[in-house]
N, C-alpha and C. Protein backbone atom coordinates (compact mmCIF):
# COMPACT_ATOMS: atom_id res chain seq x y z
N MET A 1 153.83 166.00 165.48
CA MET A 1 154.27 164.65 165.13
C MET A 1 152.83 163.83 164.82
N PRO A 2 152.98 163.15 163.72
CA PRO A 2 151.77 162.33 163.34
C PRO A 2 151.65 161.13 164.21
N ARG A 3 150.51 160.70 164.51
CA ARG A 3 150.35 159.52 165.46
C ARG A 3 150.80 158.20 164.66
N ILE A 4 151.50 157.42 165.31
CA ILE A 4 152.08 156.24 164.69
C ILE A 4 151.04 155.04 164.81
N TRP A 5 150.65 154.43 163.57
CA TRP A 5 149.61 153.41 163.50
C TRP A 5 150.30 152.12 164.11
N LYS A 6 149.45 151.50 164.98
CA LYS A 6 149.91 150.19 165.51
C LYS A 6 148.70 149.36 165.59
N PRO A 7 148.88 148.02 165.13
CA PRO A 7 147.78 147.15 165.20
C PRO A 7 147.65 146.64 166.73
N SER A 8 146.38 146.10 167.05
CA SER A 8 146.30 145.56 168.40
C SER A 8 146.80 144.10 168.25
N VAL A 9 147.75 143.70 169.06
CA VAL A 9 148.09 142.31 169.01
C VAL A 9 147.22 141.34 169.99
N THR A 10 146.82 140.22 169.39
CA THR A 10 145.87 139.39 170.21
C THR A 10 146.34 137.97 170.03
N VAL A 11 145.80 137.20 170.90
CA VAL A 11 146.26 135.73 170.82
C VAL A 11 144.81 134.98 170.84
N ALA A 12 144.85 133.69 170.31
CA ALA A 12 143.68 132.88 170.48
C ALA A 12 144.08 131.50 170.62
N ALA A 13 143.25 130.67 171.20
CA ALA A 13 143.51 129.26 171.43
C ALA A 13 142.46 128.36 170.81
N ILE A 14 143.01 127.44 169.88
CA ILE A 14 142.26 126.31 169.38
C ILE A 14 142.45 125.02 170.36
N VAL A 15 141.36 124.75 171.00
CA VAL A 15 141.37 123.64 171.96
C VAL A 15 140.47 122.56 171.59
N GLU A 16 140.84 121.43 171.03
CA GLU A 16 140.12 120.38 170.61
C GLU A 16 140.09 119.18 171.69
N LYS A 17 138.92 118.55 171.82
CA LYS A 17 138.78 117.41 172.73
C LYS A 17 137.68 116.57 172.19
N ASP A 18 137.85 115.41 171.73
CA ASP A 18 136.80 114.39 171.33
C ASP A 18 135.87 115.11 170.22
N GLY A 19 136.73 115.77 169.19
CA GLY A 19 136.12 116.23 168.14
C GLY A 19 135.39 117.54 168.33
N LYS A 20 135.39 118.02 169.41
CA LYS A 20 134.72 119.44 169.88
C LYS A 20 135.76 120.49 170.16
N PHE A 21 135.35 121.67 170.05
CA PHE A 21 136.27 122.81 170.16
C PHE A 21 135.73 123.65 171.34
N LEU A 22 136.77 124.06 172.14
CA LEU A 22 136.27 124.98 173.23
C LEU A 22 136.10 126.44 172.80
N LEU A 23 135.03 126.92 173.05
CA LEU A 23 134.63 128.29 172.64
C LEU A 23 134.13 129.13 173.67
N ILE A 24 133.97 130.34 173.60
CA ILE A 24 133.30 131.12 174.61
C ILE A 24 132.26 131.99 173.96
N GLU A 25 131.18 132.36 174.75
CA GLU A 25 130.12 133.20 174.40
C GLU A 25 130.43 134.44 175.21
N GLU A 26 130.49 135.63 174.54
CA GLU A 26 130.79 136.78 175.19
C GLU A 26 129.94 138.03 174.77
N GLU A 27 129.76 139.07 175.61
CA GLU A 27 129.13 140.14 175.31
C GLU A 27 130.16 141.15 174.67
N THR A 28 129.68 141.69 173.52
CA THR A 28 130.61 142.64 172.78
C THR A 28 129.72 143.91 172.54
N SER A 29 130.40 144.89 171.89
CA SER A 29 129.76 146.05 171.62
C SER A 29 128.66 145.74 170.37
N ASP A 30 128.99 144.64 169.74
CA ASP A 30 128.03 144.13 168.49
C ASP A 30 127.05 143.11 169.03
N GLY A 31 126.97 142.97 170.47
CA GLY A 31 125.91 142.03 170.87
C GLY A 31 126.77 140.82 171.37
N ILE A 32 125.99 139.70 171.58
CA ILE A 32 126.57 138.40 172.11
C ILE A 32 127.12 137.70 171.01
N ARG A 33 128.49 137.29 171.03
CA ARG A 33 129.16 136.69 170.02
C ARG A 33 130.02 135.52 170.46
N ILE A 34 130.37 134.54 169.57
CA ILE A 34 131.16 133.41 169.83
C ILE A 34 132.56 133.63 169.29
N ASN A 35 133.42 133.09 170.18
CA ASN A 35 134.90 133.27 169.78
C ASN A 35 135.80 132.06 170.46
N GLN A 36 136.86 131.98 169.93
CA GLN A 36 137.82 131.09 170.66
C GLN A 36 138.15 131.93 171.95
N PRO A 37 138.73 131.27 172.87
CA PRO A 37 139.45 131.98 173.99
C PRO A 37 140.48 132.85 173.39
N ALA A 38 140.38 134.06 173.60
CA ALA A 38 141.24 135.06 173.05
C ALA A 38 141.36 136.27 173.82
N GLY A 39 142.36 137.23 173.46
CA GLY A 39 142.51 138.46 174.11
C GLY A 39 143.84 139.01 173.87
N HIS A 40 143.93 140.19 174.43
CA HIS A 40 145.14 141.00 174.09
C HIS A 40 146.48 140.64 174.76
N LEU A 41 147.58 140.79 174.09
CA LEU A 41 148.78 140.64 174.67
C LEU A 41 149.08 141.72 175.64
N ASP A 42 149.59 141.41 176.81
CA ASP A 42 149.76 142.27 177.92
C ASP A 42 151.30 142.68 177.99
N PRO A 43 151.61 143.74 178.60
CA PRO A 43 153.08 144.13 178.67
C PRO A 43 153.72 143.03 179.38
N TYR A 44 155.12 142.83 179.12
CA TYR A 44 155.89 141.96 180.00
C TYR A 44 155.55 140.54 179.80
N GLU A 45 154.82 140.10 178.74
CA GLU A 45 154.48 138.62 178.53
C GLU A 45 154.80 138.29 177.13
N SER A 46 155.12 136.90 176.94
CA SER A 46 155.34 136.41 175.56
C SER A 46 153.93 135.92 175.00
N LEU A 47 153.92 135.73 173.69
CA LEU A 47 152.60 135.34 173.09
C LEU A 47 152.15 134.18 173.67
N GLU A 48 152.99 133.11 173.90
CA GLU A 48 152.62 131.82 174.63
C GLU A 48 151.96 132.10 175.92
N GLN A 49 152.69 132.99 176.71
CA GLN A 49 152.31 133.37 178.15
C GLN A 49 150.66 134.05 177.89
N ALA A 50 150.65 134.81 177.09
CA ALA A 50 149.30 135.50 176.71
C ALA A 50 148.25 134.47 176.52
N VAL A 51 148.45 133.46 175.68
CA VAL A 51 147.34 132.57 175.32
C VAL A 51 147.05 131.70 176.31
N ILE A 52 148.02 131.34 177.15
CA ILE A 52 147.76 130.50 178.34
C ILE A 52 146.95 131.29 179.41
N ARG A 53 147.29 132.49 179.69
CA ARG A 53 146.55 133.34 180.62
C ARG A 53 145.21 133.65 180.15
N GLU A 54 144.95 134.05 178.80
CA GLU A 54 143.69 134.37 178.22
C GLU A 54 142.64 133.21 178.38
N THR A 55 143.38 132.02 177.95
CA THR A 55 142.49 130.76 178.02
C THR A 55 142.01 130.45 179.46
N LEU A 56 142.83 130.56 180.44
CA LEU A 56 142.50 130.30 181.86
C LEU A 56 141.58 131.43 182.28
N GLU A 57 141.66 132.68 181.95
CA GLU A 57 140.70 133.66 182.41
C GLU A 57 139.42 133.64 181.74
N GLU A 58 139.32 133.15 180.47
CA GLU A 58 137.95 133.08 179.74
C GLU A 58 137.25 131.83 179.87
N THR A 59 137.96 130.69 180.22
CA THR A 59 137.47 129.35 180.25
C THR A 59 137.50 128.62 181.54
N ALA A 60 138.46 129.05 182.31
CA ALA A 60 138.89 128.28 183.59
C ALA A 60 139.54 127.00 183.34
N TYR A 61 140.04 126.95 182.02
CA TYR A 61 140.81 125.75 181.76
C TYR A 61 142.38 126.07 181.65
N ASP A 62 143.22 125.25 182.02
CA ASP A 62 144.49 125.37 181.86
C ASP A 62 144.69 125.04 180.31
N PHE A 63 145.85 125.52 179.78
CA PHE A 63 146.13 125.39 178.22
C PHE A 63 147.53 125.37 178.04
N THR A 64 147.83 124.18 177.26
CA THR A 64 149.40 124.10 176.80
C THR A 64 149.39 124.15 175.41
N PRO A 65 149.98 125.35 175.00
CA PRO A 65 150.20 125.44 173.35
C PRO A 65 151.20 124.45 172.84
N THR A 66 150.97 123.88 171.63
CA THR A 66 151.79 123.04 171.18
C THR A 66 152.29 123.49 169.80
N ALA A 67 151.63 124.41 169.08
CA ALA A 67 152.00 124.83 167.68
C ALA A 67 151.31 126.17 167.45
N LEU A 68 151.81 126.94 166.57
CA LEU A 68 151.01 128.05 165.99
C LEU A 68 150.33 127.59 164.68
N VAL A 69 148.99 127.87 164.65
CA VAL A 69 148.21 127.52 163.51
C VAL A 69 148.37 128.65 162.49
N GLY A 70 148.38 129.96 162.98
CA GLY A 70 148.44 130.92 161.83
C GLY A 70 148.45 132.35 162.69
N MET A 71 148.83 133.36 161.64
CA MET A 71 148.82 134.76 162.11
C MET A 71 147.95 135.48 161.24
N TYR A 72 147.00 136.22 161.75
CA TYR A 72 145.99 136.77 160.87
C TYR A 72 145.85 138.25 161.14
N MET A 73 145.84 138.99 160.13
CA MET A 73 145.68 140.57 160.16
C MET A 73 144.21 140.83 159.73
N SER A 74 143.50 141.58 160.41
CA SER A 74 142.13 141.98 160.07
C SER A 74 141.88 143.33 160.49
N ARG A 75 140.86 144.09 159.82
CA ARG A 75 140.49 145.38 160.38
C ARG A 75 139.01 145.28 160.71
N TYR A 76 138.64 146.04 161.69
CA TYR A 76 137.29 145.95 162.34
C TYR A 76 136.90 147.39 162.50
N THR A 77 135.57 147.67 162.21
CA THR A 77 135.03 148.98 162.48
C THR A 77 133.96 148.84 163.58
N SER A 78 134.13 149.46 164.66
CA SER A 78 133.23 149.27 165.72
C SER A 78 131.73 149.85 165.38
N ASN A 79 130.83 149.13 165.65
CA ASN A 79 129.33 149.67 165.30
C ASN A 79 129.08 150.75 166.38
N ARG A 80 129.66 150.62 167.49
CA ARG A 80 129.32 151.50 168.63
C ARG A 80 129.95 152.98 168.47
N THR A 81 131.29 152.85 168.13
CA THR A 81 132.04 154.25 168.24
C THR A 81 132.48 154.45 166.71
N GLY A 82 132.41 153.61 165.74
CA GLY A 82 132.67 153.94 164.35
C GLY A 82 134.29 153.93 164.18
N GLU A 83 135.01 153.64 165.21
CA GLU A 83 136.50 153.67 165.21
C GLU A 83 136.96 152.38 164.60
N GLU A 84 137.95 152.51 163.76
CA GLU A 84 138.76 151.27 163.09
C GLU A 84 139.72 150.84 163.84
N VAL A 85 139.82 149.50 164.00
CA VAL A 85 141.03 148.97 164.78
C VAL A 85 141.54 147.68 163.95
N THR A 86 142.83 147.78 163.76
CA THR A 86 143.44 146.50 163.15
C THR A 86 144.03 145.62 163.97
N TYR A 87 143.59 144.36 163.94
CA TYR A 87 144.02 143.26 164.86
C TYR A 87 145.14 142.38 164.30
N LEU A 88 146.14 142.05 164.93
CA LEU A 88 147.21 141.10 164.51
C LEU A 88 147.02 139.83 165.45
N ARG A 89 146.46 138.74 164.92
CA ARG A 89 146.07 137.67 165.74
C ARG A 89 147.05 136.57 165.61
N PHE A 90 147.62 136.00 166.61
CA PHE A 90 148.31 134.74 166.69
C PHE A 90 147.53 133.61 167.38
N THR A 91 147.13 132.63 166.48
CA THR A 91 146.31 131.58 166.96
C THR A 91 147.16 130.25 167.14
N PHE A 92 147.04 129.79 168.31
CA PHE A 92 147.77 128.57 168.88
C PHE A 92 146.80 127.49 168.92
N CYS A 93 147.38 126.23 168.85
CA CYS A 93 146.60 125.05 169.09
C CYS A 93 147.29 124.39 170.26
N GLY A 94 146.72 123.59 170.98
CA GLY A 94 147.24 122.78 171.99
C GLY A 94 146.06 122.03 172.80
N TYR A 95 146.46 121.59 174.02
CA TYR A 95 145.59 120.84 174.74
C TYR A 95 145.10 121.45 175.97
N PRO A 96 143.76 120.92 176.52
CA PRO A 96 143.38 121.56 177.72
C PRO A 96 144.01 120.70 178.83
N GLY A 97 144.01 121.50 180.01
CA GLY A 97 144.38 120.80 181.18
C GLY A 97 143.26 120.73 182.18
N ALA A 98 143.75 120.97 183.39
CA ALA A 98 142.69 121.04 184.49
C ALA A 98 141.70 122.12 184.33
N GLN A 99 140.30 121.76 184.66
CA GLN A 99 139.51 122.87 184.71
C GLN A 99 139.34 123.43 186.10
N HIS A 100 139.37 124.60 186.48
CA HIS A 100 139.41 125.21 187.76
C HIS A 100 138.01 125.81 188.02
N ASP A 101 137.80 125.87 189.47
CA ASP A 101 136.56 126.45 189.87
C ASP A 101 136.92 127.93 190.23
N ARG A 102 136.62 128.79 189.13
CA ARG A 102 136.95 130.18 189.19
C ARG A 102 136.07 130.97 188.26
N PRO A 103 135.85 132.16 188.71
CA PRO A 103 134.93 133.03 187.77
C PRO A 103 135.64 133.27 186.45
N LEU A 104 134.77 133.43 185.41
CA LEU A 104 135.29 133.75 184.19
C LEU A 104 135.44 135.21 183.95
N ASP A 105 136.25 135.74 183.08
CA ASP A 105 136.62 137.00 182.80
C ASP A 105 135.19 137.84 182.65
N GLU A 106 135.09 139.07 182.97
CA GLU A 106 133.84 139.97 182.86
C GLU A 106 133.63 139.98 181.39
N GLY A 107 132.29 139.78 181.11
CA GLY A 107 131.84 139.76 179.74
C GLY A 107 131.69 138.39 179.11
N ILE A 108 132.38 137.46 179.79
CA ILE A 108 132.22 136.06 179.19
C ILE A 108 130.93 135.43 179.76
N LEU A 109 130.18 135.01 179.13
CA LEU A 109 128.83 134.45 179.62
C LEU A 109 128.85 132.97 179.90
N ARG A 110 129.63 132.21 179.05
CA ARG A 110 129.77 130.77 179.26
C ARG A 110 130.76 130.27 178.38
N THR A 111 131.24 129.05 178.60
CA THR A 111 132.04 128.33 177.72
C THR A 111 131.14 127.29 177.03
N MET A 112 131.61 126.88 175.73
CA MET A 112 130.87 125.69 174.97
C MET A 112 131.88 124.90 174.30
N TRP A 113 131.44 123.75 174.06
CA TRP A 113 132.25 122.78 173.33
C TRP A 113 131.36 122.39 172.01
N LEU A 114 131.86 122.81 170.89
CA LEU A 114 131.07 122.62 169.72
C LEU A 114 131.86 122.02 168.59
N THR A 115 131.14 121.18 167.75
CA THR A 115 131.85 120.48 166.56
C THR A 115 132.18 121.62 165.54
N ARG A 116 133.04 121.26 164.51
CA ARG A 116 133.04 122.32 163.60
C ARG A 116 131.95 122.56 162.86
N ASP A 117 130.88 121.61 162.66
CA ASP A 117 129.77 121.74 161.95
C ASP A 117 128.83 122.64 162.80
N GLU A 118 128.83 122.42 164.00
CA GLU A 118 127.97 123.20 164.89
C GLU A 118 128.48 124.73 164.85
N LEU A 119 129.81 124.79 164.81
CA LEU A 119 130.25 126.18 164.75
C LEU A 119 129.99 126.81 163.46
N ALA A 120 130.22 126.21 162.41
CA ALA A 120 129.85 126.70 161.08
C ALA A 120 128.32 127.25 161.11
N ALA A 121 127.42 126.41 161.77
CA ALA A 121 126.01 126.60 161.57
C ALA A 121 125.76 127.91 162.37
N CYS A 122 126.47 128.57 163.32
CA CYS A 122 126.22 129.77 163.93
C CYS A 122 127.18 130.86 163.58
N ALA A 123 127.63 130.86 162.27
CA ALA A 123 128.67 131.91 161.80
C ALA A 123 128.18 133.17 161.88
N ASP A 124 126.87 133.52 161.84
CA ASP A 124 126.30 134.85 161.98
C ASP A 124 126.71 135.40 163.62
N ARG A 125 126.97 134.59 164.37
CA ARG A 125 127.14 135.04 165.79
C ARG A 125 128.72 135.04 166.05
N HIS A 126 129.55 134.70 165.15
CA HIS A 126 131.01 134.70 165.37
C HIS A 126 131.40 136.09 165.67
N ARG A 127 132.48 136.23 166.43
CA ARG A 127 133.22 137.53 166.78
C ARG A 127 133.78 138.14 165.42
N SER A 128 134.32 137.24 164.70
CA SER A 128 134.85 137.58 163.48
C SER A 128 134.94 136.27 162.39
N PRO A 129 135.02 136.55 161.19
CA PRO A 129 135.29 135.42 160.31
C PRO A 129 136.46 134.49 160.60
N THR A 130 137.41 135.19 161.24
CA THR A 130 138.67 134.40 161.79
C THR A 130 138.34 133.12 162.63
N VAL A 131 137.20 133.14 163.36
CA VAL A 131 136.80 132.10 164.19
C VAL A 131 136.89 130.85 163.44
N LEU A 132 135.94 130.67 162.44
CA LEU A 132 135.72 129.37 161.76
C LEU A 132 137.12 129.26 160.83
N GLN A 133 137.72 130.29 160.16
CA GLN A 133 138.88 130.06 159.44
C GLN A 133 140.02 129.40 160.21
N CYS A 134 140.16 129.74 161.50
CA CYS A 134 141.29 129.17 162.20
C CYS A 134 140.95 127.63 162.59
N VAL A 135 139.72 127.37 162.73
CA VAL A 135 139.37 125.92 162.93
C VAL A 135 139.54 125.22 161.79
N ASP A 136 139.19 125.69 160.60
CA ASP A 136 139.31 124.91 159.33
C ASP A 136 140.87 124.78 159.05
N GLU A 137 141.58 125.79 159.35
CA GLU A 137 143.04 125.54 159.00
C GLU A 137 143.69 124.65 160.12
N TYR A 138 143.34 124.64 161.30
CA TYR A 138 143.82 123.65 162.26
C TYR A 138 143.28 122.20 161.73
N LEU A 139 142.09 122.03 161.25
CA LEU A 139 141.68 120.66 160.88
C LEU A 139 142.40 120.33 159.61
N GLU A 140 142.81 121.18 158.87
CA GLU A 140 143.67 120.99 157.51
C GLU A 140 145.07 120.60 157.98
N GLY A 141 145.50 120.77 159.29
CA GLY A 141 146.81 120.36 159.70
C GLY A 141 147.79 121.46 159.69
N ARG A 142 147.33 122.59 159.59
CA ARG A 142 148.41 123.73 159.61
C ARG A 142 149.05 123.98 160.89
N ARG A 143 150.44 123.85 160.98
CA ARG A 143 151.07 123.89 162.14
C ARG A 143 152.29 124.55 161.91
N ALA A 144 152.82 125.42 162.83
CA ALA A 144 154.16 126.04 162.82
C ALA A 144 154.80 125.74 164.21
N PRO A 145 156.11 125.34 164.26
CA PRO A 145 156.57 125.12 165.60
C PRO A 145 156.59 126.31 166.46
N LEU A 146 156.59 126.17 167.86
CA LEU A 146 156.53 127.24 168.62
C LEU A 146 157.87 128.01 168.68
N GLU A 147 158.89 127.14 168.35
CA GLU A 147 160.23 127.67 168.13
C GLU A 147 160.39 128.85 167.11
N LEU A 148 159.51 128.88 166.30
CA LEU A 148 159.40 129.99 165.35
C LEU A 148 159.20 131.37 165.99
N ILE A 149 158.53 131.42 167.20
CA ILE A 149 158.28 132.54 167.96
C ILE A 149 159.34 132.86 168.92
N GLN A 150 160.07 133.96 168.83
CA GLN A 150 161.20 134.29 169.79
C GLN A 150 160.79 135.58 170.69
N THR A 151 161.01 135.49 171.79
CA THR A 151 160.63 136.60 172.85
C THR A 151 162.02 136.89 173.47
N HIS A 152 162.43 138.09 173.08
CA HIS A 152 163.75 138.53 173.80
C HIS A 152 163.59 138.74 175.32
N ALA A 153 164.49 138.65 176.11
CA ALA A 153 164.55 138.60 177.57
C ALA A 153 164.08 139.96 177.97
N SER A 154 164.36 141.02 177.16
CA SER A 154 164.01 142.43 177.42
C SER A 154 162.40 142.73 177.60
N VAL A 155 161.73 141.82 177.06
CA VAL A 155 160.25 141.89 177.20
C VAL A 155 159.75 141.62 178.65
N TYR A 156 160.44 140.75 179.30
CA TYR A 156 159.94 140.39 180.58
C TYR A 156 160.32 141.46 181.81
N LYS A 157 159.48 141.70 182.49
CA LYS A 157 159.51 142.67 183.69
C LYS A 157 160.72 142.45 184.57
N GLU A 158 160.94 141.12 184.84
CA GLU A 158 162.16 140.77 185.64
C GLU A 158 163.45 141.24 185.06
N ALA A 159 163.45 140.93 183.68
CA ALA A 159 164.77 141.26 183.00
C ALA A 159 164.97 142.82 183.02
N ILE A 160 163.83 143.63 182.93
CA ILE A 160 164.13 145.03 182.75
C ILE A 160 164.32 145.46 184.28
N SER A 161 163.76 144.90 185.50
CA SER A 161 164.02 145.28 186.86
C SER A 161 165.55 145.02 187.02
N THR A 162 166.07 143.87 186.75
CA THR A 162 167.40 143.35 187.01
C THR A 162 168.26 144.27 186.29
N ALA A 163 168.04 144.61 184.96
CA ALA A 163 168.96 145.48 184.17
C ALA A 163 169.04 146.84 184.77
N ASN A 164 167.90 147.36 185.36
CA ASN A 164 167.93 148.76 185.86
C ASN A 164 168.44 148.83 187.36
N GLY A 165 168.88 147.71 187.91
CA GLY A 165 169.57 147.58 189.32
C GLY A 165 168.47 147.52 190.20
């Protein structure tokens, strides 16, 4: 039976405060890169739960999503393995909450607050072209309501445990 192709689902957070955006500097197989707080959707969680969790893990900030900026599909070929991966990225905007005294995820070197122009000036270090694209679309006012995203109860582990008795 042929292998079924599936994109990797990821989430990202656009967090703006006083005209600056919360970003992370991270170690990747392509070297040190700049990205929004972002990561993979885990089993048993909604997209909103994933972006809240990833933002906390990578920046130590609480995050409250308020809207969906966009959905982006891109393909990446690893310089290290030569393997192609397709990503389906859901980018949310929202506001930061409390900052916690906790370690950042493995591979995250630091958090940074950059203006849009400062971010554009280091485009050669972005994890992908989507990093600046998402900020620009956010600044253009692109927003979709969170109600657009539906997560069926069957996704959540508690619902599965309850249904199975």
